[in-house]
Amino acid sequence: MALELRHLRYLLAVAENGTFTRAAEELHISQPTLSQQIKQLERILDVQLLDRTGRTVRLTDAGVAYVHHARRALRDLAAAERAVHDVHDLTRGHLRLAVTPTFTAYLTGPLAAELHTRHPGITMTLREMPQDRIESGLLADEIDLGIAFTGTHLPGISATELFTETLTLVTSARHPAGHDHPLPVDDLAGLQLALLSGDFATRGHIDDYFTQHGVSPHIAVEANSIQAITEIVQRTTLATVLPDALTHDHPHLIPIPLDPPLPSRTVALLTRTDAYRSSAGRAFTRLTHDLIRTRPYTGPGTGTAAGSEADADLEPPAEH
């Protein structure tokens, strides 16, 4: 009896679900069929892969070792299928993109619009998630490209710098604070703020800034939605702290620099170092570099660097 791909998929489903019942439901097959297929695999390998004695099914030591390689094999086969079907004239293709949450407020819209304008045959799946999940998703081949920040990355992740993101105080035109000069950090104590909730990494940067300068502002609203924060600020005299780039596409929002300024962050395009680079992925990388050179949020000196990286990206990326 020969090993088949379904054996691997069935084993992974049982390992991930912990029971044959849930795995069978996920696979849309009967439980007896699933159990029979797993037993076939164990006979082929002449080893027990699952411990069925408890209330939940667990991998044996041999099962743990086998699943590790089985998961990688299926990932590589999926990448091979995408490579075979990759169309170099960009008349079709698919891109799996993940971004950290703040970018959905000002960057993903222009990027998606540019992709659709240049290459209407390319479809895109866009996911919003924390940076650690983006990197693990890249390594698991669940994502093609990620947009997040530079820093310490998981082994196997490459980062190409794009531009500098600056956080600033953001208000509406009705806010009484002056807009013509930087606001001293001590004046924040007299403002009422609407801020992102603590599950955003951006909120951590904001809180660190407050702590560093001994400021305890009045936080009137916390929300886990950037859209909610911007809607509230536009309609009230509350202020917020968000990337100043967000105000460029929202004329009713006004950035007010702080003195001293909030720390900036370097935005980066993340990839898996050894990943196959599809035509859709390469095209999106090029248009990303093209777009940030034309946008006002490009930081000092990043235009030249971005151009050189864009040209270099026509070939497989080097490790960073």
C-alpha atoms as a PDB file:
ATOM      1  CA  MET A   1       0.000   0.000   0.000  1.00  0.00           C
ATOM      2  CA  ALA A   2       1.420   3.376  -1.039  1.00  0.00           C
ATOM      3  CA  LEU A   3       1.488   6.532   1.019  1.00  0.00           C
ATOM      4  CA  GLU A   4      -0.910   9.218  -0.283  1.00  0.00           C
ATOM      5  CA  LEU A   5      -1.255  12.911   0.487  1.00  0.00           C
ATOM      6  CA  ARG A   6      -4.623  12.375   2.110  1.00  0.00           C
ATOM      7  CA  HIS A   7      -2.906  10.290   4.801  1.00  0.00           C
ATOM      8  CA  LEU A   8      -0.809  13.312   5.774  1.00  0.00           C
ATOM      9  CA  ARG A   9      -3.752  15.699   5.733  1.00  0.00           C
ATOM     10  CA  TYR A  10      -5.865  13.339   7.821  1.00  0.00           C
ATOM     11  CA  LEU A  11      -3.108  12.871  10.398  1.00  0.00           C
ATOM     12  CA  LEU A  12      -2.585  16.624  10.721  1.00  0.00           C
ATOM     13  CA  ALA A  13      -6.320  17.155  11.164  1.00  0.00           C
ATOM     14  CA  VAL A  14      -6.469  14.659  14.028  1.00  0.00           C
ATOM     15  CA  ALA A  15      -3.336  16.115  15.630  1.00  0.00           C
ATOM     16  CA  GLU A  16      -4.723  19.658  15.470  1.00  0.00           C
ATOM     17  CA  ASN A  17      -8.260  18.823  16.622  1.00  0.00           C
ATOM     18  CA  GLY A  18      -7.425  16.278  19.322  1.00  0.00           C
ATOM     19  CA  THR A  19     -10.350  14.014  18.457  1.00  0.00           C
ATOM     20  CA  PHE A  20     -11.382  11.917  15.484  1.00  0.00           C
ATOM     21  CA  THR A  21     -14.891  13.362  15.672  1.00  0.00           C
ATOM     22  CA  ARG A  22     -13.876  16.993  15.203  1.00  0.00           C
ATOM     23  CA  ALA A  23     -11.233  16.092  12.625  1.00  0.00           C
ATOM     24  CA  ALA A  24     -13.782  14.100  10.589  1.00  0.00           C
ATOM     25  CA  GLU A  25     -16.212  17.032  10.686  1.00  0.00           C
ATOM     26  CA  GLU A  26     -13.488  19.392   9.484  1.00  0.00           C
ATOM     27  CA  LEU A  27     -12.522  17.024   6.663  1.00  0.00           C
ATOM     28  CA  HIS A  28     -16.153  16.265   5.742  1.00  0.00           C
ATOM     29  CA  ILE A  29     -15.651  12.514   5.948  1.00  0.00           C
ATOM     30  CA  SER A  30     -17.035   9.873   8.300  1.00  0.00           C
ATOM     31  CA  GLN A  31     -15.218   9.070  11.518  1.00  0.00           C
ATOM     32  CA  PRO A  32     -14.775   5.357  10.635  1.00  0.00           C
ATOM     33  CA  THR A  33     -13.230   6.334   7.292  1.00  0.00           C
ATOM     34  CA  LEU A  34     -10.828   8.710   9.014  1.00  0.00           C
ATOM     35  CA  SER A  35      -9.835   6.103  11.604  1.00  0.00           C
ATOM     36  CA  GLN A  36      -9.259   3.532   8.871  1.00  0.00           C
ATOM     37  CA  GLN A  37      -7.040   5.900   6.887  1.00  0.00           C
ATOM     38  CA  ILE A  38      -4.894   6.690   9.934  1.00  0.00           C
ATOM     39  CA  LYS A  39      -4.472   2.988  10.661  1.00  0.00           C
ATOM     40  CA  GLN A  40      -3.402   2.500   7.040  1.00  0.00           C
ATOM     41  CA  LEU A  41      -0.738   5.159   7.492  1.00  0.00           C
ATOM     42  CA  GLU A  42       0.515   3.515  10.664  1.00  0.00           C
ATOM     43  CA  ARG A  43       0.737   0.155   8.873  1.00  0.00           C
ATOM     44  CA  ILE A  44       2.646   1.752   5.976  1.00  0.00           C
ATOM     45  CA  LEU A  45       5.142   3.305   8.394  1.00  0.00           C
ATOM     46  CA  ASP A  46       5.056   0.318  10.771  1.00  0.00           C
ATOM     47  CA  VAL A  47       4.815   2.638  13.789  1.00  0.00           C
ATOM     48  CA  GLN A  48       2.099   3.951  16.088  1.00  0.00           C
ATOM     49  CA  LEU A  49       1.529   7.640  15.458  1.00  0.00           C
ATOM     50  CA  LEU A  50      -1.420   8.318  17.806  1.00  0.00           C
ATOM     51  CA  ASP A  51      -2.115   7.503  21.429  1.00  0.00           C
ATOM     52  CA  ARG A  52      -5.834   6.706  21.560  1.00  0.00           C
ATOM     53  CA  THR A  53      -6.046   5.681  25.231  1.00  0.00           C
ATOM     54  CA  GLY A  54      -7.080   9.049  26.720  1.00  0.00           C
ATOM     55  CA  ARG A  55     -10.134  11.247  26.325  1.00  0.00           C
ATOM     56  CA  THR A  56      -8.279  13.158  23.633  1.00  0.00           C
ATOM     57  CA  VAL A  57      -6.064  11.704  20.937  1.00  0.00           C
ATOM     58  CA  ARG A  58      -2.392  12.591  21.325  1.00  0.00           C
ATOM     59  CA  LEU A  59       0.632  12.144  19.118  1.00  0.00           C
ATOM     60  CA  THR A  60       3.195   9.586  20.160  1.00  0.00           C
ATOM     61  CA  ASP A  61       6.859  10.560  20.081  1.00  0.00           C
ATOM     62  CA  ALA A  62       7.049   9.058  16.608  1.00  0.00           C
ATOM     63  CA  GLY A  63       3.889  10.952  15.672  1.00  0.00           C
ATOM     64  CA  VAL A  64       5.366  14.277  16.790  1.00  0.00           C
ATOM     65  CA  ALA A  65       8.449  13.705  14.653  1.00  0.00           C
ATOM     66  CA  TYR A  66       6.407  12.594  11.648  1.00  0.00           C
ATOM     67  CA  VAL A  67       3.911  15.473  11.842  1.00  0.00           C
ATOM     68  CA  HIS A  68       6.748  17.999  11.843  1.00  0.00           C
ATOM     69  CA  HIS A  69       7.985  16.711   8.492  1.00  0.00           C
ATOM     70  CA  ALA A  70       4.486  16.070   7.117  1.00  0.00           C
ATOM     71  CA  ARG A  71       3.450  19.679   7.752  1.00  0.00           C
ATOM     72  CA  ARG A  72       6.576  20.962   6.002  1.00  0.00           C
ATOM     73  CA  ALA A  73       6.048  18.581   3.078  1.00  0.00           C
ATOM     74  CA  LEU A  74       2.475  19.776   2.528  1.00  0.00           C
ATOM     75  CA  ARG A  75       3.594  23.387   2.773  1.00  0.00           C
ATOM     76  CA  ASP A  76       6.282  22.809   0.142  1.00  0.00           C
ATOM     77  CA  LEU A  77       3.841  21.012  -2.150  1.00  0.00           C
ATOM     78  CA  ALA A  78       1.386  23.897  -1.888  1.00  0.00           C
ATOM     79  CA  ALA A  79       4.182  26.312  -2.788  1.00  0.00           C
ATOM     80  CA  ALA A  80       5.094  24.094  -5.742  1.00  0.00           C
ATOM     81  CA  GLU A  81       1.515  24.192  -7.006  1.00  0.00           C
ATOM     82  CA  ARG A  82       1.479  27.982  -6.803  1.00  0.00           C
ATOM     83  CA  ALA A  83       4.787  28.125  -8.665  1.00  0.00           C
ATOM     84  CA  VAL A  84       3.433  25.918 -11.455  1.00  0.00           C
ATOM     85  CA  HIS A  85       0.327  28.070 -11.833  1.00  0.00           C
ATOM     86  CA  ASP A  86       2.153  31.379 -11.496  1.00  0.00           C
ATOM     87  CA  VAL A  87       1.489  33.560 -14.519  1.00  0.00           C
ATOM     88  CA  HIS A  88       4.358  35.865 -15.381  1.00  0.00           C
ATOM     89  CA  ASP A  89       2.317  38.225 -17.552  1.00  0.00           C
ATOM     90  CA  LEU A  90       0.225  39.057 -14.429  1.00  0.00           C
ATOM     91  CA  THR A  91      -3.096  38.429 -16.175  1.00  0.00           C
ATOM     92  CA  ARG A  92      -3.996  36.418 -13.098  1.00  0.00           C
ATOM     93  CA  GLY A  93      -2.510  35.513  -9.758  1.00  0.00           C
ATOM     94  CA  HIS A  94      -3.195  35.753  -6.048  1.00  0.00           C
ATOM     95  CA  LEU A  95      -1.452  37.564  -3.199  1.00  0.00           C
ATOM     96  CA  ARG A  96      -1.803  36.786   0.531  1.00  0.00           C
ATOM     97  CA  LEU A  97      -0.970  39.951   2.460  1.00  0.00           C
ATOM     98  CA  ALA A  98      -0.996  40.571   6.215  1.00  0.00           C
ATOM     99  CA  VAL A  99      -0.546  43.930   7.941  1.00  0.00           C
ATOM    100  CA  THR A 100      -0.442  45.172  11.505  1.00  0.00           C
ATOM    101  CA  PRO A 101      -3.644  47.037  12.443  1.00  0.00           C
ATOM    102  CA  THR A 102      -2.672  50.712  12.087  1.00  0.00           C
ATOM    103  CA  PHE A 103      -1.800  50.276   8.401  1.00  0.00           C
ATOM    104  CA  THR A 104      -5.423  49.531   7.511  1.00  0.00           C
ATOM    105  CA  ALA A 105      -6.186  53.173   8.364  1.00  0.00           C
ATOM    106  CA  TYR A 106      -3.905  54.750   5.761  1.00  0.00           C
ATOM    107  CA  LEU A 107      -1.711  52.367   3.753  1.00  0.00           C
ATOM    108  CA  THR A 108      -3.624  49.293   2.622  1.00  0.00           C
ATOM    109  CA  GLY A 109      -6.269  51.292   0.754  1.00  0.00           C
ATOM    110  CA  PRO A 110      -3.790  53.048  -1.557  1.00  0.00           C
ATOM    111  CA  LEU A 111      -1.822  49.823  -2.032  1.00  0.00           C
ATOM    112  CA  ALA A 112      -4.917  47.778  -2.909  1.00  0.00           C
ATOM    113  CA  ALA A 113      -6.109  50.495  -5.289  1.00  0.00           C
ATOM    114  CA  GLU A 114      -2.721  50.622  -7.026  1.00  0.00           C
ATOM    115  CA  LEU A 115      -2.608  46.830  -7.333  1.00  0.00           C
ATOM    116  CA  HIS A 116      -6.078  46.736  -8.867  1.00  0.00           C
ATOM    117  CA  THR A 117      -5.244  49.577 -11.259  1.00  0.00           C
ATOM    118  CA  ARG A 118      -2.002  48.058 -12.478  1.00  0.00           C
ATOM    119  CA  HIS A 119      -2.955  44.385 -12.368  1.00  0.00           C
ATOM    120  CA  PRO A 120      -6.746  43.870 -12.241  1.00  0.00           C
ATOM    121  CA  GLY A 121      -6.318  40.144 -12.793  1.00  0.00           C
ATOM    122  CA  ILE A 122      -4.517  39.670  -9.468  1.00  0.00           C
ATOM    123  CA  THR A 123      -6.720  38.913  -6.482  1.00  0.00           C
ATOM    124  CA  MET A 124      -5.664  39.604  -2.911  1.00  0.00           C
ATOM    125  CA  THR A 125      -6.478  38.204   0.504  1.00  0.00           C
ATOM    126  CA  LEU A 126      -5.785  40.836   3.171  1.00  0.00           C
ATOM    127  CA  ARG A 127      -5.512  39.947   6.856  1.00  0.00           C
ATOM    128  CA  GLU A 128      -4.947  42.208   9.847  1.00  0.00           C
ATOM    129  CA  MET A 129      -2.951  40.684  12.704  1.00  0.00           C
ATOM    130  CA  PRO A 130      -0.184  41.346  15.247  1.00  0.00           C
ATOM    131  CA  GLN A 131       3.404  41.241  14.005  1.00  0.00           C
ATOM    132  CA  ASP A 132       4.285  37.982  15.776  1.00  0.00           C
ATOM    133  CA  ARG A 133       1.420  36.241  13.996  1.00  0.00           C
ATOM    134  CA  ILE A 134       2.484  37.743  10.670  1.00  0.00           C
ATOM    135  CA  GLU A 135       5.966  36.298  11.061  1.00  0.00           C
ATOM    136  CA  SER A 136       4.726  32.866  12.128  1.00  0.00           C
ATOM    137  CA  GLY A 137       2.269  32.945   9.216  1.00  0.00           C
ATOM    138  CA  LEU A 138       5.084  33.707   6.787  1.00  0.00           C
ATOM    139  CA  LEU A 139       7.136  30.811   8.135  1.00  0.00           C
ATOM    140  CA  ALA A 140       4.125  28.473   7.842  1.00  0.00           C
ATOM    141  CA  ASP A 141       3.536  29.632   4.232  1.00  0.00           C
ATOM    142  CA  GLU A 142       0.093  30.979   5.149  1.00  0.00           C
ATOM    143  CA  ILE A 143       1.085  34.483   4.022  1.00  0.00           C
ATOM    144  CA  ASP A 144       3.150  35.736   1.075  1.00  0.00           C
ATOM    145  CA  LEU A 145       4.053  39.213   2.350  1.00  0.00           C
ATOM    146  CA  GLY A 146       3.664  41.168   5.556  1.00  0.00           C
ATOM    147  CA  ILE A 147       3.832  44.866   6.390  1.00  0.00           C
ATOM    148  CA  ALA A 148       4.971  45.564   9.948  1.00  0.00           C
ATOM    149  CA  PHE A 149       8.044  47.071  11.623  1.00  0.00           C
ATOM    150  CA  THR A 150      11.781  46.500  11.780  1.00  0.00           C
ATOM    151  CA  GLY A 151      13.338  45.065  14.922  1.00  0.00           C
ATOM    152  CA  THR A 152      14.117  41.585  16.134  1.00  0.00           C
ATOM    153  CA  HIS A 153      12.553  39.023  13.801  1.00  0.00           C
ATOM    154  CA  LEU A 154      12.070  35.270  13.919  1.00  0.00           C
ATOM    155  CA  PRO A 155      14.811  33.234  12.197  1.00  0.00           C
ATOM    156  CA  GLY A 156      14.006  32.913   8.510  1.00  0.00           C
ATOM    157  CA  ILE A 157      12.252  36.302   8.213  1.00  0.00           C
ATOM    158  CA  SER A 158      13.688  39.032   5.954  1.00  0.00           C
ATOM    159  CA  ALA A 159      12.761  42.688   6.381  1.00  0.00           C
ATOM    160  CA  THR A 160      13.087  45.450   3.774  1.00  0.00           C
ATOM    161  CA  GLU A 161      12.719  48.998   5.122  1.00  0.00           C
ATOM    162  CA  LEU A 162       9.958  51.075   3.521  1.00  0.00           C
ATOM    163  CA  PHE A 163       9.515  54.350   5.395  1.00  0.00           C
ATOM    164  CA  THR A 164       9.447  55.951   8.823  1.00  0.00           C
ATOM    165  CA  GLU A 165       6.138  56.087  10.679  1.00  0.00           C
ATOM    166  CA  THR A 166       5.722  58.958  13.137  1.00  0.00           C
ATOM    167  CA  LEU A 167       3.129  58.989  15.898  1.00  0.00           C
ATOM    168  CA  THR A 168       1.649  62.364  16.760  1.00  0.00           C
ATOM    169  CA  LEU A 169      -1.271  64.019  18.495  1.00  0.00           C
ATOM    170  CA  VAL A 170      -4.315  64.053  16.198  1.00  0.00           C
ATOM    171  CA  THR A 171      -7.343  66.294  16.636  1.00  0.00           C
ATOM    172  CA  SER A 172     -10.260  67.662  14.665  1.00  0.00           C
ATOM    173  CA  ALA A 173     -10.487  71.255  13.517  1.00  0.00           C
ATOM    174  CA  ARG A 174     -12.869  71.993  16.392  1.00  0.00           C
ATOM    175  CA  HIS A 175     -10.234  71.149  18.996  1.00  0.00           C
ATOM    176  CA  PRO A 176      -9.135  74.178  21.093  1.00  0.00           C
ATOM    177  CA  ALA A 177      -5.437  73.242  21.008  1.00  0.00           C
ATOM    178  CA  GLY A 178      -3.347  75.363  18.694  1.00  0.00           C
ATOM    179  CA  HIS A 179      -2.230  73.822  15.405  1.00  0.00           C
ATOM    180  CA  ASP A 180       0.612  76.144  14.433  1.00  0.00           C
ATOM    181  CA  HIS A 181       3.345  74.996  16.784  1.00  0.00           C
ATOM    182  CA  PRO A 182       4.394  71.824  18.674  1.00  0.00           C
ATOM    183  CA  LEU A 183       2.467  71.132  21.850  1.00  0.00           C
ATOM    184  CA  PRO A 184       4.640  70.747  24.977  1.00  0.00           C
ATOM    185  CA  VAL A 185       4.296  67.256  26.413  1.00  0.00           C
ATOM    186  CA  ASP A 186       3.218  68.640  29.791  1.00  0.00           C
ATOM    187  CA  ASP A 187       0.124  70.147  28.154  1.00  0.00           C
ATOM    188  CA  LEU A 188      -1.155  66.626  27.453  1.00  0.00           C
ATOM    189  CA  ALA A 189      -2.214  66.422  31.095  1.00  0.00           C
ATOM    190  CA  GLY A 190      -4.941  68.938  30.355  1.00  0.00           C
ATOM    191  CA  LEU A 191      -6.379  67.112  27.356  1.00  0.00           C
ATOM    192  CA  GLN A 192      -9.031  64.422  27.095  1.00  0.00           C
ATOM    193  CA  LEU A 193      -7.945  61.585  24.845  1.00  0.00           C
ATOM    194  CA  ALA A 194      -9.494  58.748  22.857  1.00  0.00           C
ATOM    195  CA  LEU A 195      -6.863  56.022  22.552  1.00  0.00           C
ATOM    196  CA  LEU A 196      -6.472  52.552  21.105  1.00  0.00           C
ATOM    197  CA  SER A 197      -6.859  49.807  23.684  1.00  0.00           C
ATOM    198  CA  GLY A 198      -3.971  47.900  25.200  1.00  0.00           C
ATOM    199  CA  ASP A 199      -4.156  45.009  22.724  1.00  0.00           C
ATOM    200  CA  PHE A 200      -2.569  47.304  20.100  1.00  0.00           C
ATOM    201  CA  ALA A 201       1.234  47.486  20.053  1.00  0.00           C
ATOM    202  CA  THR A 202       0.858  51.170  19.198  1.00  0.00           C
ATOM    203  CA  ARG A 203      -0.774  51.764  22.577  1.00  0.00           C
ATOM    204  CA  GLY A 204       2.327  50.350  24.254  1.00  0.00           C
ATOM    205  CA  HIS A 205       4.503  52.944  22.481  1.00  0.00           C
ATOM    206  CA  ILE A 206       2.111  55.702  23.555  1.00  0.00           C
ATOM    207  CA  ASP A 207       2.054  54.578  27.190  1.00  0.00           C
ATOM    208  CA  ASP A 208       5.852  54.335  27.260  1.00  0.00           C
ATOM    209  CA  TYR A 209       6.047  57.933  26.028  1.00  0.00           C
ATOM    210  CA  PHE A 210       3.634  59.108  28.721  1.00  0.00           C
ATOM    211  CA  THR A 211       5.573  57.277  31.426  1.00  0.00           C
ATOM    212  CA  GLN A 212       8.935  58.567  30.212  1.00  0.00           C
ATOM    213  CA  HIS A 213       7.741  62.167  30.460  1.00  0.00           C
ATOM    214  CA  GLY A 214       5.689  61.778  33.636  1.00  0.00           C
ATOM    215  CA  VAL A 215       2.378  62.625  31.988  1.00  0.00           C
ATOM    216  CA  SER A 216      -0.977  61.177  33.100  1.00  0.00           C
ATOM    217  CA  PRO A 217      -3.544  62.332  30.539  1.00  0.00           C
ATOM    218  CA  HIS A 218      -7.275  61.875  30.994  1.00  0.00           C
ATOM    219  CA  ILE A 219      -8.319  58.943  28.798  1.00  0.00           C
ATOM    220  CA  ALA A 220     -12.005  59.431  28.079  1.00  0.00           C
ATOM    221  CA  VAL A 221     -12.394  56.664  25.486  1.00  0.00           C
ATOM    222  CA  GLU A 222     -10.558  53.410  24.731  1.00  0.00           C
ATOM    223  CA  ALA A 223     -11.431  51.404  21.640  1.00  0.00           C
ATOM    224  CA  ASN A 224     -10.041  48.409  19.786  1.00  0.00           C
ATOM    225  CA  SER A 225     -10.899  49.958  16.423  1.00  0.00           C
ATOM    226  CA  ILE A 226      -8.925  52.669  14.647  1.00  0.00           C
ATOM    227  CA  GLN A 227     -11.997  53.590  12.628  1.00  0.00           C
ATOM    228  CA  ALA A 228     -13.961  54.118  15.841  1.00  0.00           C
ATOM    229  CA  ILE A 229     -11.220  56.348  17.256  1.00  0.00           C
ATOM    230  CA  THR A 230     -11.042  58.507  14.119  1.00  0.00           C
ATOM    231  CA  GLU A 231     -14.832  58.840  13.947  1.00  0.00           C
ATOM    232  CA  ILE A 232     -14.984  59.918  17.592  1.00  0.00           C
ATOM    233  CA  VAL A 233     -12.164  62.451  17.235  1.00  0.00           C
ATOM    234  CA  GLN A 234     -13.722  63.984  14.120  1.00  0.00           C
ATOM    235  CA  ARG A 235     -16.994  64.584  15.975  1.00  0.00           C
ATOM    236  CA  THR A 236     -15.735  65.722  19.395  1.00  0.00           C
ATOM    237  CA  THR A 237     -13.058  67.820  21.047  1.00  0.00           C
ATOM    238  CA  LEU A 238     -11.213  64.658  22.108  1.00  0.00           C
ATOM    239  CA  ALA A 239      -7.691  64.158  20.785  1.00  0.00           C
ATOM    240  CA  THR A 240      -5.879  60.922  20.018  1.00  0.00           C
ATOM    241  CA  VAL A 241      -2.377  59.666  19.239  1.00  0.00           C
ATOM    242  CA  LEU A 242      -2.003  57.920  15.879  1.00  0.00           C
ATOM    243  CA  PRO A 243       0.409  57.854  12.912  1.00  0.00           C
ATOM    244  CA  ASP A 244       0.489  61.311  11.368  1.00  0.00           C
ATOM    245  CA  ALA A 245       0.219  59.676   7.927  1.00  0.00           C
ATOM    246  CA  LEU A 246      -3.397  58.873   8.731  1.00  0.00           C
ATOM    247  CA  THR A 247      -4.275  62.578   8.518  1.00  0.00           C
ATOM    248  CA  HIS A 248      -3.132  62.880   4.903  1.00  0.00           C
ATOM    249  CA  ASP A 249      -6.235  61.067   3.638  1.00  0.00           C
ATOM    250  CA  HIS A 250      -8.558  62.438   6.339  1.00  0.00           C
ATOM    251  CA  PRO A 251      -8.898  66.214   5.812  1.00  0.00           C
ATOM    252  CA  HIS A 252     -10.969  66.598   8.989  1.00  0.00           C
ATOM    253  CA  LEU A 253      -8.099  65.288  11.133  1.00  0.00           C
ATOM    254  CA  ILE A 254      -5.187  67.551  12.027  1.00  0.00           C
ATOM    255  CA  PRO A 255      -1.739  66.421  13.253  1.00  0.00           C
ATOM    256  CA  ILE A 256      -0.206  68.396  16.101  1.00  0.00           C
ATOM    257  CA  PRO A 257       3.502  67.693  16.729  1.00  0.00           C
ATOM    258  CA  LEU A 258       4.494  67.077  20.323  1.00  0.00           C
ATOM    259  CA  ASP A 259       7.573  68.470  22.024  1.00  0.00           C
ATOM    260  CA  PRO A 260       9.521  66.279  22.482  1.00  0.00           C
ATOM    261  CA  PRO A 261       8.191  64.137  19.630  1.00  0.00           C
ATOM    262  CA  LEU A 262       7.004  60.574  20.051  1.00  0.00           C
ATOM    263  CA  PRO A 263       9.540  57.929  18.943  1.00  0.00           C
ATOM    264  CA  SER A 264       9.293  56.971  15.276  1.00  0.00           C
ATOM    265  CA  ARG A 265       9.124  53.415  13.921  1.00  0.00           C
ATOM    266  CA  THR A 266      10.532  51.993  10.694  1.00  0.00           C
ATOM    267  CA  VAL A 267       7.948  50.260   8.523  1.00  0.00           C
ATOM    268  CA  ALA A 268       9.153  47.151   6.717  1.00  0.00           C
ATOM    269  CA  LEU A 269       8.020  44.651   4.135  1.00  0.00           C
ATOM    270  CA  LEU A 270       8.431  41.164   5.616  1.00  0.00           C
ATOM    271  CA  THR A 271       9.006  37.930   3.706  1.00  0.00           C
ATOM    272  CA  ARG A 272      10.153  34.397   4.420  1.00  0.00           C
ATOM    273  CA  THR A 273      13.784  34.274   3.382  1.00  0.00           C
ATOM    274  CA  ASP A 274      13.576  31.027   1.398  1.00  0.00           C
ATOM    275  CA  ALA A 275      10.037  31.500   0.061  1.00  0.00           C
ATOM    276  CA  TYR A 276       9.140  31.214  -3.605  1.00  0.00           C
ATOM    277  CA  ARG A 277       8.492  34.732  -4.914  1.00  0.00           C
ATOM    278  CA  SER A 278       5.465  34.671  -7.188  1.00  0.00           C
ATOM    279  CA  SER A 279       4.946  37.161  -9.999  1.00  0.00           C
ATOM    280  CA  ALA A 280       2.076  38.676  -8.001  1.00  0.00           C
ATOM    281  CA  GLY A 281       4.321  39.074  -4.952  1.00  0.00           C
ATOM    282  CA  ARG A 282       7.110  40.671  -6.955  1.00  0.00           C
ATOM    283  CA  ALA A 283       4.663  43.026  -8.651  1.00  0.00           C
ATOM    284  CA  PHE A 284       3.174  44.076  -5.320  1.00  0.00           C
ATOM    285  CA  THR A 285       6.634  44.699  -3.896  1.00  0.00           C
ATOM    286  CA  ARG A 286       7.521  46.948  -6.822  1.00  0.00           C
ATOM    287  CA  LEU A 287       4.331  48.969  -6.625  1.00  0.00           C
ATOM    288  CA  THR A 288       4.744  49.335  -2.848  1.00  0.00           C
ATOM    289  CA  HIS A 289       8.136  50.967  -3.317  1.00  0.00           C
ATOM    290  CA  ASP A 290       6.762  53.093  -6.150  1.00  0.00           C
ATOM    291  CA  LEU A 291       3.815  54.283  -4.081  1.00  0.00           C
ATOM    292  CA  ILE A 292       5.711  55.253  -0.938  1.00  0.00           C
ATOM    293  CA  ARG A 293       8.023  57.462  -2.994  1.00  0.00           C
ATOM    294  CA  THR A 294       4.973  59.535  -3.976  1.00  0.00           C
ATOM    295  CA  ARG A 295       3.309  59.690  -0.550  1.00  0.00           C
ATOM    296  CA  PRO A 296       3.933  62.391   2.071  1.00  0.00           C
ATOM    297  CA  TYR A 297       4.604  59.856   4.813  1.00  0.00           C
ATOM    298  CA  THR A 298       7.928  58.819   3.277  1.00  0.00           C
ATOM    299  CA  GLY A 299      10.549  59.663   5.891  1.00  0.00           C
ATOM    300  CA  PRO A 300      13.720  61.685   5.275  1.00  0.00           C
ATOM    301  CA  GLY A 301      16.173  59.729   3.161  1.00  0.00           C
ATOM    302  CA  THR A 302      13.890  56.744   2.657  1.00  0.00           C
ATOM    303  CA  GLY A 303      13.002  57.557  -0.931  1.00  0.00           C
ATOM    304  CA  THR A 304      16.457  56.663  -2.236  1.00  0.00           C
ATOM    305  CA  ALA A 305      16.742  53.574  -0.103  1.00  0.00           C
ATOM    306  CA  ALA A 306      13.305  52.378  -1.141  1.00  0.00           C
ATOM    307  CA  GLY A 307      14.202  52.808  -4.797  1.00  0.00           C
ATOM    308  CA  SER A 308      17.315  50.698  -4.497  1.00  0.00           C
ATOM    309  CA  GLU A 309      15.454  47.969  -2.646  1.00  0.00           C
ATOM    310  CA  ALA A 310      12.705  47.968  -5.247  1.00  0.00           C
ATOM    311  CA  ASP A 311      15.214  47.398  -8.015  1.00  0.00           C
ATOM    312  CA  ALA A 312      16.960  44.701  -6.000  1.00  0.00           C
ATOM    313  CA  ASP A 313      13.650  42.934  -5.381  1.00  0.00           C
ATOM    314  CA  LEU A 314      13.466  41.885  -9.019  1.00  0.00           C
ATOM    315  CA  GLU A 315      15.824  39.117  -7.927  1.00  0.00           C
ATOM    316  CA  PRO A 316      15.388  36.778  -4.928  1.00  0.00           C
ATOM    317  CA  PRO A 317      15.858  38.813  -1.710  1.00  0.00           C
ATOM    318  CA  ALA A 318      19.015  38.712   0.333  1.00  0.00           C
ATOM    319  CA  GLU A 319      18.879  38.061   4.052  1.00  0.00           C
ATOM    320  CA  HIS A 320      18.648  41.083   6.335  1.00  0.00           C
END
